[in-house]
Amino acid sequence: MRWQVDRVNRDPAWKETFYRKDGYRRDVENLRGLGKDKYGNQIPQIRWDEASHRWVAATNDPIQAHPKYLEKGIPGHPRTVSPEQAQHLENAAKARHDAIKADDAARKHLEDMERRFARDPSEHNRGRMHAAEADYKAKHTAMGQRSEDFGEAAAARHAVPDHYPGAERVADVPGPKNGNDRFDQIWKTPDGRYVVVEAKSQVKTSLGSRRVGGQRVSQGTPEYFQDILKEMETSAKRPEHRQLVKDLRSAKKTGRLDYVLVKGNPDGARYGGYEMSRFDVG
């Protein structure tokens, strides 16, 4: 594996044969058979390492801290959606559905262009493959965004109003806008309770994870929760940001905080409700 990863960095033509520009492996099963090169070596997964500015082997660290739940799989039916929110949720479900179809079509077209390039590596086919690559990247990015939008909508427009009536969303939250190093949503109820939400696009979507103190921990664990608070504190630019972190820590310590998971439940292009769980973070 080390030899192949080294070759990715020193042989652009070899990399182009087996990997896309973003490091994802091409349709290697169809290119060479069972994801191997002509010498029978397995094509490894790779990722870009910012520290070394090189491609490195992508290792899947086992998750060592898994979440515990106070409640799990609480269903939310579409009939409980308020009339003013129903159309928003239907629109979000359809946008997700359409984006998935577009992504699937772009992926199949790219795979076809990759097979053509493998059979005939001409400049013409190379150009067509790269054009298909760019189209798939755009469609895949859009699909991911529409899926995230749907999960966020299910939480904000249905699950939170169902379980925490009158709660107001905390709009100004420290952290990057891309969603890393921050929670998906933070709400505050009329009685001063905080609700921290992790939103997913469908019930089969897995929880995310991150490395904390040398181990990989799942969303929903105390370790994950505390690490996100630490990152929020680090990125806090204003006094109100630092106060929010203090308030969340205090609310958790005094039992005035719920850390919840909301998964949207799409029914094709229609909104089918949600599933909610409450994490036990102590």
Protein backbone atom coordinates (compact mmCIF):
# COMPACT_ATOMS: atom_id res chain seq x y z
CA MET A 1 0.00 0.00 0.00
CA ARG A 2 2.81 2.44 0.87
CA TRP A 3 4.32 2.04 -2.63
CA GLN A 4 0.96 2.81 -4.28
CA VAL A 5 0.33 5.87 -2.13
CA ASP A 6 3.83 7.13 -2.94
CA ARG A 7 3.07 6.63 -6.63
CA VAL A 8 -0.07 8.75 -6.33
CA ASN A 9 2.17 11.67 -5.33
CA ARG A 10 4.90 11.15 -7.95
CA ASP A 11 3.00 9.79 -10.99
CA PRO A 12 0.11 12.06 -12.11
CA ALA A 13 -0.82 9.77 -15.01
CA TRP A 14 -1.16 6.75 -12.71
CA LYS A 15 -3.23 8.78 -10.26
CA GLU A 16 -5.53 9.96 -13.04
CA THR A 17 -6.14 6.37 -14.12
CA PHE A 18 -7.39 5.24 -10.72
CA TYR A 19 -8.47 8.40 -8.88
CA ARG A 20 -10.58 11.47 -9.47
CA LYS A 21 -9.21 14.92 -8.71
CA ASP A 22 -10.75 14.89 -5.22
CA GLY A 23 -9.06 11.58 -4.36
CA TYR A 24 -12.11 9.35 -4.76
CA ARG A 25 -11.31 6.12 -6.54
CA ARG A 26 -12.67 5.83 -10.05
CA ASP A 27 -14.88 2.94 -11.11
CA VAL A 28 -11.90 0.65 -10.54
CA GLU A 29 -13.97 -2.53 -10.51
CA ASN A 30 -14.81 -1.95 -14.16
CA LEU A 31 -11.39 -0.50 -15.08
CA ARG A 32 -9.16 -3.33 -13.86
CA GLY A 33 -11.35 -5.86 -12.13
CA LEU A 34 -11.97 -6.05 -8.39
CA GLY A 35 -10.29 -2.72 -7.72
CA LYS A 36 -6.75 -3.88 -8.53
CA ASP A 37 -4.00 -2.59 -10.80
CA LYS A 38 -2.41 -4.69 -13.53
CA TYR A 39 -0.02 -6.24 -10.99
CA GLY A 40 -2.87 -7.41 -8.78
CA ASN A 41 -2.37 -4.75 -6.10
CA GLN A 42 -5.47 -3.40 -4.39
CA ILE A 43 -6.16 0.28 -5.12
CA PRO A 44 -6.09 1.95 -1.67
CA GLN A 45 -8.37 4.70 -0.46
CA ILE A 46 -6.55 8.02 -0.04
CA ARG A 47 -7.13 11.45 1.44
CA TRP A 48 -5.36 14.82 1.18
CA ASP A 49 -3.22 15.67 4.21
CA GLU A 50 -3.07 19.43 4.77
CA ALA A 51 -0.08 19.21 7.09
CA SER A 52 2.23 17.47 4.59
CA HIS A 53 0.47 18.64 1.41
CA ARG A 54 0.50 15.07 0.14
CA TRP A 55 -1.94 12.27 -0.53
CA VAL A 56 -1.88 9.71 2.27
CA ALA A 57 -3.67 6.44 2.96
CA ALA A 58 -7.15 6.91 4.36
CA THR A 59 -7.49 4.75 7.45
CA ASN A 60 -10.84 4.08 9.05
CA ASP A 61 -10.20 4.46 12.76
CA PRO A 62 -12.64 2.38 14.84
CA ILE A 63 -15.05 4.44 16.91
CA GLN A 64 -14.20 3.93 20.57
CA ALA A 65 -16.94 6.02 22.22
CA HIS A 66 -20.54 5.32 21.21
CA PRO A 67 -23.63 7.27 22.29
CA LYS A 68 -26.10 6.26 24.96
CA TYR A 69 -29.73 7.31 24.76
CA LEU A 70 -32.36 8.51 27.19
CA GLU A 71 -35.01 8.02 24.51
CA LYS A 72 -34.62 6.59 21.02
CA GLY A 73 -36.65 6.58 17.81
CA ILE A 74 -39.52 8.87 18.85
CA PRO A 75 -41.68 9.12 15.69
CA GLY A 76 -43.02 12.39 14.33
CA HIS A 77 -45.98 12.13 11.94
CA PRO A 78 -46.66 14.64 9.16
CA ARG A 79 -50.15 15.24 10.55
CA THR A 80 -48.65 17.17 13.49
CA VAL A 81 -46.98 19.74 11.20
CA SER A 82 -48.47 23.20 11.49
CA PRO A 83 -50.15 24.44 8.29
CA GLU A 84 -47.66 27.30 7.88
CA GLN A 85 -44.73 24.83 7.91
CA ALA A 86 -46.18 22.02 5.80
CA GLN A 87 -45.35 23.47 2.38
CA HIS A 88 -41.80 24.34 3.44
CA LEU A 89 -41.24 20.70 4.40
CA GLU A 90 -42.82 19.38 1.20
CA ASN A 91 -40.59 21.69 -0.85
CA ALA A 92 -37.49 20.53 1.06
CA ALA A 93 -38.40 16.87 0.50
CA LYS A 94 -38.89 17.38 -3.24
CA ALA A 95 -35.65 19.36 -3.58
CA ARG A 96 -33.76 16.53 -1.88
CA HIS A 97 -35.43 13.90 -4.07
CA ASP A 98 -34.67 15.77 -7.29
CA ALA A 99 -31.06 16.41 -6.27
CA ILE A 100 -30.51 12.70 -5.54
CA LYS A 101 -31.85 11.75 -8.97
CA ALA A 102 -29.60 14.32 -10.67
CA ASP A 103 -26.59 13.10 -8.68
CA ASP A 104 -27.26 9.48 -9.62
CA ALA A 105 -27.56 10.33 -13.31
CA ALA A 106 -24.31 12.35 -13.21
CA ARG A 107 -22.50 9.50 -11.44
CA LYS A 108 -23.60 6.95 -14.03
CA HIS A 109 -22.52 9.27 -16.85
CA LEU A 110 -19.10 9.75 -15.22
CA GLU A 111 -18.64 6.00 -14.82
CA ASP A 112 -19.46 5.55 -18.50
CA MET A 113 -16.88 8.19 -19.46
CA GLU A 114 -14.29 6.52 -17.20
CA ARG A 115 -14.84 3.18 -18.94
CA ARG A 116 -14.49 4.84 -22.32
CA PHE A 117 -11.26 6.52 -21.27
CA ALA A 118 -9.92 3.18 -19.95
CA ARG A 119 -10.59 1.56 -23.31
CA ASP A 120 -9.30 4.51 -25.37
CA PRO A 121 -7.17 7.05 -23.43
CA SER A 122 -7.37 9.68 -26.17
CA GLU A 123 -7.35 13.42 -25.46
CA HIS A 124 -10.95 13.58 -26.64
CA ASN A 125 -12.07 10.96 -24.14
CA ARG A 126 -9.92 12.54 -21.43
CA GLY A 127 -11.74 15.85 -21.97
CA ARG A 128 -15.15 14.18 -21.87
CA MET A 129 -14.20 12.35 -18.67
CA HIS A 130 -13.04 15.56 -17.00
CA ALA A 131 -16.23 17.37 -18.06
CA ALA A 132 -18.30 14.54 -16.58
CA GLU A 133 -16.17 14.72 -13.43
CA ALA A 134 -16.90 18.44 -13.01
CA ASP A 135 -20.61 17.91 -13.59
CA TYR A 136 -20.76 15.08 -11.07
CA LYS A 137 -18.88 17.11 -8.48
CA ALA A 138 -21.38 19.96 -8.83
CA LYS A 139 -24.39 17.63 -8.71
CA HIS A 140 -22.98 15.72 -5.74
CA THR A 141 -22.32 18.91 -3.81
CA ALA A 142 -25.87 20.09 -4.51
CA MET A 143 -27.28 16.73 -3.42
CA GLY A 144 -25.41 16.91 -0.13
CA GLN A 145 -26.65 20.44 0.52
CA ARG A 146 -30.29 19.63 -0.31
CA SER A 147 -30.10 16.57 1.97
CA GLU A 148 -28.71 18.67 4.82
CA ASP A 149 -31.40 21.29 4.21
CA PHE A 150 -34.09 18.64 4.50
CA GLY A 151 -32.77 17.29 7.80
CA GLU A 152 -32.44 20.79 9.21
CA ALA A 153 -35.97 21.65 8.09
CA ALA A 154 -37.42 18.52 9.72
CA ALA A 155 -35.80 19.56 13.00
CA ALA A 156 -36.52 23.30 12.92
CA ARG A 157 -40.00 23.23 11.39
CA HIS A 158 -41.43 20.09 12.94
CA ALA A 159 -39.53 18.21 15.67
CA VAL A 160 -38.53 21.19 17.81
CA PRO A 161 -42.00 22.82 17.67
CA ASP A 162 -43.52 19.41 18.50
CA HIS A 163 -41.41 18.79 21.61
CA TYR A 164 -40.32 22.29 22.66
CA PRO A 165 -43.19 24.70 21.94
CA GLY A 166 -42.16 28.32 21.94
CA ALA A 167 -38.43 27.58 21.71
CA GLU A 168 -36.39 30.21 19.87
CA ARG A 169 -33.38 29.37 17.76
CA VAL A 170 -30.01 30.82 18.76
CA ALA A 171 -29.00 32.42 15.47
CA ASP A 172 -25.55 33.76 16.32
CA VAL A 173 -23.38 30.71 17.02
CA PRO A 174 -19.56 30.72 16.92
CA GLY A 175 -17.86 28.39 14.49
CA PRO A 176 -17.37 27.92 10.75
CA LYS A 177 -20.40 28.14 8.46
CA ASN A 178 -19.63 24.74 6.90
CA GLY A 179 -20.97 22.94 9.97
CA ASN A 180 -17.66 21.63 11.31
CA ASP A 181 -16.82 22.35 14.96
CA ARG A 182 -20.37 23.40 15.79
CA PHE A 183 -23.76 21.86 16.46
CA ASP A 184 -26.40 21.90 13.72
CA GLN A 185 -28.90 23.90 15.75
CA ILE A 186 -29.20 25.41 19.23
CA TRP A 187 -32.57 26.45 20.71
CA LYS A 188 -33.68 28.04 23.97
CA THR A 189 -37.08 27.30 25.50
CA PRO A 190 -39.27 29.89 27.29
CA ASP A 191 -38.24 28.42 30.66
CA GLY A 192 -34.51 28.79 29.87
CA ARG A 193 -33.75 25.23 28.82
CA TYR A 194 -31.29 24.66 25.96
CA VAL A 195 -31.92 22.19 23.13
CA VAL A 196 -28.89 21.19 21.06
CA VAL A 197 -29.77 19.45 17.79
CA GLU A 198 -27.88 17.17 15.42
CA ALA A 199 -29.94 16.91 12.21
CA LYS A 200 -29.77 14.13 9.61
CA SER A 201 -31.49 13.82 6.26
CA GLN A 202 -33.03 10.38 6.78
CA VAL A 203 -33.42 7.64 9.37
CA LYS A 204 -30.64 5.52 7.82
CA THR A 205 -28.04 8.31 7.96
CA SER A 206 -25.18 7.40 10.29
CA LEU A 207 -23.86 9.62 13.05
CA GLY A 208 -20.69 11.59 12.41
CA SER A 209 -17.51 11.24 14.45
CA ARG A 210 -14.30 13.11 15.28
CA ARG A 211 -10.95 12.46 16.91
CA VAL A 212 -10.76 13.58 20.53
CA GLY A 213 -7.75 12.93 22.75
CA GLY A 214 -6.32 10.21 20.52
CA GLN A 215 -9.55 8.29 19.99
CA ARG A 216 -12.45 8.55 17.55
CA VAL A 217 -15.76 9.39 19.23
CA SER A 218 -19.28 9.48 17.86
CA GLN A 219 -21.75 12.32 17.82
CA GLY A 220 -24.00 12.10 20.84
CA THR A 221 -21.27 11.18 23.32
CA PRO A 222 -20.10 13.39 26.21
CA GLU A 223 -16.62 13.50 24.63
CA TYR A 224 -17.99 14.78 21.33
CA PHE A 225 -20.24 17.32 23.03
CA GLN A 226 -17.43 18.74 25.16
CA ASP A 227 -15.04 18.90 22.21
CA ILE A 228 -17.51 20.91 20.13
CA LEU A 229 -17.97 23.31 23.05
CA LYS A 230 -14.19 23.69 23.24
CA GLU A 231 -14.02 24.46 19.49
CA MET A 232 -16.87 26.97 19.81
CA GLU A 233 -15.03 28.66 22.66
CA THR A 234 -11.84 28.84 20.60
CA SER A 235 -13.64 30.44 17.65
CA ALA A 236 -15.72 32.83 19.78
CA LYS A 237 -15.15 36.40 18.59
CA ARG A 238 -17.59 38.33 20.72
CA PRO A 239 -18.64 38.35 24.40
CA GLU A 240 -22.07 36.90 23.54
CA HIS A 241 -20.35 33.93 21.87
CA ARG A 242 -18.32 33.19 24.98
CA GLN A 243 -21.43 33.64 27.11
CA LEU A 244 -23.32 31.10 24.99
CA VAL A 245 -20.61 28.50 25.61
CA LYS A 246 -20.73 29.21 29.35
CA ASP A 247 -24.52 28.96 29.35
CA LEU A 248 -24.43 25.61 27.53
CA ARG A 249 -21.89 24.21 29.97
CA SER A 250 -23.95 25.43 32.91
CA ALA A 251 -27.19 24.05 31.44
CA LYS A 252 -25.60 20.64 30.93
CA LYS A 253 -24.22 20.61 34.48
CA THR A 254 -27.59 21.53 36.02
CA GLY A 255 -29.73 19.26 33.85
CA ARG A 256 -31.29 22.05 31.80
CA LEU A 257 -30.00 20.84 28.44
CA ASP A 258 -31.29 18.30 25.94
CA TYR A 259 -28.93 16.97 23.27
CA VAL A 260 -31.13 15.49 20.56
CA LEU A 261 -30.85 13.77 17.21
CA VAL A 262 -33.50 14.48 14.56
CA LYS A 263 -33.62 12.41 11.39
CA GLY A 264 -35.92 13.38 8.55
CA ASN A 265 -38.12 10.65 7.12
CA PRO A 266 -38.61 11.32 3.40
CA ASP A 267 -41.33 9.44 1.54
CA GLY A 268 -39.99 9.67 -1.99
CA ALA A 269 -40.52 13.27 -3.01
CA ARG A 270 -42.92 13.86 -0.10
CA TYR A 271 -42.35 14.73 3.54
CA GLY A 272 -42.91 11.69 5.75
CA GLY A 273 -42.17 13.06 9.20
CA TYR A 274 -39.12 12.56 11.43
CA GLU A 275 -37.54 10.35 14.08
CA MET A 276 -36.08 11.92 17.23
CA SER A 277 -33.76 10.55 19.93
CA ARG A 278 -32.32 12.08 23.09
CA PHE A 279 -28.67 11.46 23.89
CA ASP A 280 -27.48 10.75 27.43
CA VAL A 281 -24.47 13.02 27.95
CA GLY A 282 -24.53 12.97 31.74
